[in-house]
């Protein structure tokens, strides 16, 4: 350390080298809930099938601090037909995953995403039986 650096330290100033290499303070990043790769694979397979059948046309993903939401639309200007939600706070209760209809009615909840999404495939089978 040079004599100039020592004098600067006595006055309370930091040497130039110390200030240039010191990392800037960044507040911690807010945690965000998201779908992982396997979950997205399961959701997008169902979405692709429904698009091919002409039932669904658009989707949106919202990654919030308390839950992740995959919304499905028939037309992008409408309310979502279904919302596939992942809420980790419900992991020890009803299950992390849920499928919610347009009116807010929960169609199915559970711990296994593939099982929960089967409720959306059953709609097709119900229409075939009614016809």
Protein backbone atom coordinates (compact mmCIF):
# COMPACT_ATOMS: atom_id res chain seq x y z
CA UNK A 1 0.00 0.00 0.00
CA UNK A 2 1.41 3.39 -0.95
CA UNK A 3 1.72 6.41 1.32
CA UNK A 4 -1.15 8.15 -0.53
CA UNK A 5 -3.44 5.16 0.09
CA UNK A 6 -2.57 5.16 3.79
CA UNK A 7 -3.35 8.87 4.06
CA UNK A 8 -6.66 8.34 2.27
CA UNK A 9 -7.54 5.50 4.67
CA UNK A 10 -6.88 7.76 7.66
CA UNK A 11 -9.41 10.28 6.30
CA UNK A 12 -12.01 7.51 5.84
CA UNK A 13 -11.73 7.21 2.06
CA UNK A 14 -11.23 3.84 0.43
CA UNK A 15 -8.43 3.26 -2.06
CA UNK A 16 -9.53 3.40 -5.71
CA UNK A 17 -8.77 -0.29 -6.28
CA UNK A 18 -11.05 -1.35 -3.43
CA UNK A 19 -14.03 0.68 -4.63
CA UNK A 20 -13.71 -0.42 -8.26
CA UNK A 21 -13.72 -4.13 -7.43
CA UNK A 22 -16.39 -4.00 -4.72
CA UNK A 23 -19.68 -5.44 -5.99
CA UNK A 24 -22.66 -3.12 -6.11
CA UNK A 25 -25.47 -3.84 -3.65
CA UNK A 26 -28.48 -5.46 -5.26
CA UNK A 27 -31.58 -6.30 -3.28
CA UNK A 28 -32.33 -10.03 -3.24
CA UNK A 29 -34.47 -11.21 -6.15
CA UNK A 30 -38.10 -11.87 -5.33
CA UNK A 31 -38.94 -15.57 -5.51
CA UNK A 32 -41.19 -16.52 -8.40
CA UNK A 33 -43.15 -19.75 -8.81
CA UNK A 34 -42.77 -21.30 -12.27
CA UNK A 35 -43.52 -24.51 -14.13
CA UNK A 36 -40.48 -26.73 -14.62
CA UNK A 37 -39.57 -28.41 -17.90
CA UNK A 38 -41.46 -31.66 -17.21
CA UNK A 39 -44.60 -29.81 -16.16
CA UNK A 40 -44.52 -27.62 -19.26
CA UNK A 41 -44.04 -30.70 -21.43
CA UNK A 42 -47.20 -32.29 -20.02
CA UNK A 43 -49.21 -29.06 -20.35
CA UNK A 44 -48.02 -28.27 -23.88
CA UNK A 45 -48.75 -31.81 -25.11
CA UNK A 46 -52.36 -31.39 -24.00
CA UNK A 47 -52.45 -27.87 -25.45
CA UNK A 48 -51.13 -29.10 -28.81
CA UNK A 49 -53.75 -31.84 -28.95
CA UNK A 50 -56.56 -29.40 -28.18
CA UNK A 51 -55.29 -26.90 -30.79
CA UNK A 52 -55.22 -29.68 -33.39
CA UNK A 53 -58.83 -30.54 -32.48
CA UNK A 54 -59.78 -26.87 -32.91
CA UNK A 55 -60.91 -26.35 -29.30
CA UNK A 56 -58.14 -24.05 -28.07
CA UNK A 57 -56.37 -21.26 -29.93
CA UNK A 58 -54.24 -19.26 -27.50
CA UNK A 59 -52.57 -19.42 -24.11
CA UNK A 60 -50.91 -17.17 -21.55
CA UNK A 61 -48.51 -17.89 -18.71
CA UNK A 62 -48.36 -15.82 -15.55
CA UNK A 63 -45.48 -16.41 -13.16
CA UNK A 64 -46.36 -14.80 -9.85
CA UNK A 65 -44.60 -14.85 -6.50
CA UNK A 66 -47.15 -17.23 -4.96
CA UNK A 67 -48.29 -19.33 -7.95
CA UNK A 68 -47.86 -20.05 -11.65
CA UNK A 69 -50.85 -19.95 -14.00
CA UNK A 70 -51.22 -21.36 -17.53
CA UNK A 71 -54.43 -19.92 -19.04
CA UNK A 72 -56.11 -21.42 -22.10
CA UNK A 73 -58.29 -19.38 -24.47
CA UNK A 74 -60.67 -20.21 -27.30
CA UNK A 75 -60.14 -16.66 -28.59
CA UNK A 76 -57.49 -14.33 -27.26
CA UNK A 77 -60.00 -11.54 -26.62
CA UNK A 78 -62.08 -13.63 -24.20
CA UNK A 79 -61.75 -14.83 -20.65
CA UNK A 80 -59.71 -18.02 -20.32
CA UNK A 81 -61.60 -21.29 -20.73
CA UNK A 82 -59.39 -22.98 -18.15
CA UNK A 83 -56.54 -22.06 -15.84
CA UNK A 84 -53.95 -24.65 -14.88
CA UNK A 85 -52.44 -23.44 -11.61
CA UNK A 86 -49.42 -24.46 -9.58
CA UNK A 87 -49.58 -23.26 -5.97
CA UNK A 88 -46.78 -24.69 -3.78
CA UNK A 89 -48.53 -23.53 -0.59
CA UNK A 90 -51.13 -26.26 -1.15
CA UNK A 91 -48.54 -29.06 -1.47
CA UNK A 92 -49.40 -30.67 1.87
CA UNK A 93 -53.14 -30.11 1.54
CA UNK A 94 -55.23 -30.59 -1.60
CA UNK A 95 -52.28 -30.69 -4.00
CA UNK A 96 -50.02 -28.31 -5.84
CA UNK A 97 -51.93 -28.43 -9.16
CA UNK A 98 -55.47 -27.42 -9.97
CA UNK A 99 -57.64 -26.87 -13.03
CA UNK A 100 -60.04 -23.94 -12.72
CA UNK A 101 -62.96 -23.28 -15.11
CA UNK A 102 -64.05 -19.87 -16.41
CA UNK A 103 -66.42 -19.13 -13.54
CA UNK A 104 -63.78 -19.92 -10.93
CA UNK A 105 -65.01 -23.44 -10.19
CA UNK A 106 -62.16 -25.81 -9.37
CA UNK A 107 -62.60 -28.88 -11.58
CA UNK A 108 -59.81 -30.97 -10.07
CA UNK A 109 -56.88 -30.70 -7.64
CA UNK A 110 -54.02 -33.03 -6.97
CA UNK A 111 -50.35 -33.76 -6.55
CA UNK A 112 -49.82 -35.32 -10.01
CA UNK A 113 -50.17 -32.89 -12.92
CA UNK A 114 -50.95 -35.57 -15.51
CA UNK A 115 -53.81 -36.92 -13.37
CA UNK A 116 -55.20 -33.44 -12.77
CA UNK A 117 -55.16 -32.62 -16.50
CA UNK A 118 -57.19 -35.73 -17.32
CA UNK A 119 -60.28 -33.77 -16.29
CA UNK A 120 -59.85 -31.71 -19.49
CA UNK A 121 -59.76 -34.85 -21.67
CA UNK A 122 -62.92 -36.19 -20.03
CA UNK A 123 -64.89 -33.25 -21.42
CA UNK A 124 -64.44 -34.68 -24.90
CA UNK A 125 -65.74 -38.08 -23.82
CA UNK A 126 -68.78 -36.53 -22.12
CA UNK A 127 -69.81 -34.73 -25.32
CA UNK A 128 -69.55 -37.96 -27.33
CA UNK A 129 -71.85 -39.77 -24.88
CA UNK A 130 -74.45 -36.97 -25.00
CA UNK A 131 -74.62 -36.91 -28.82
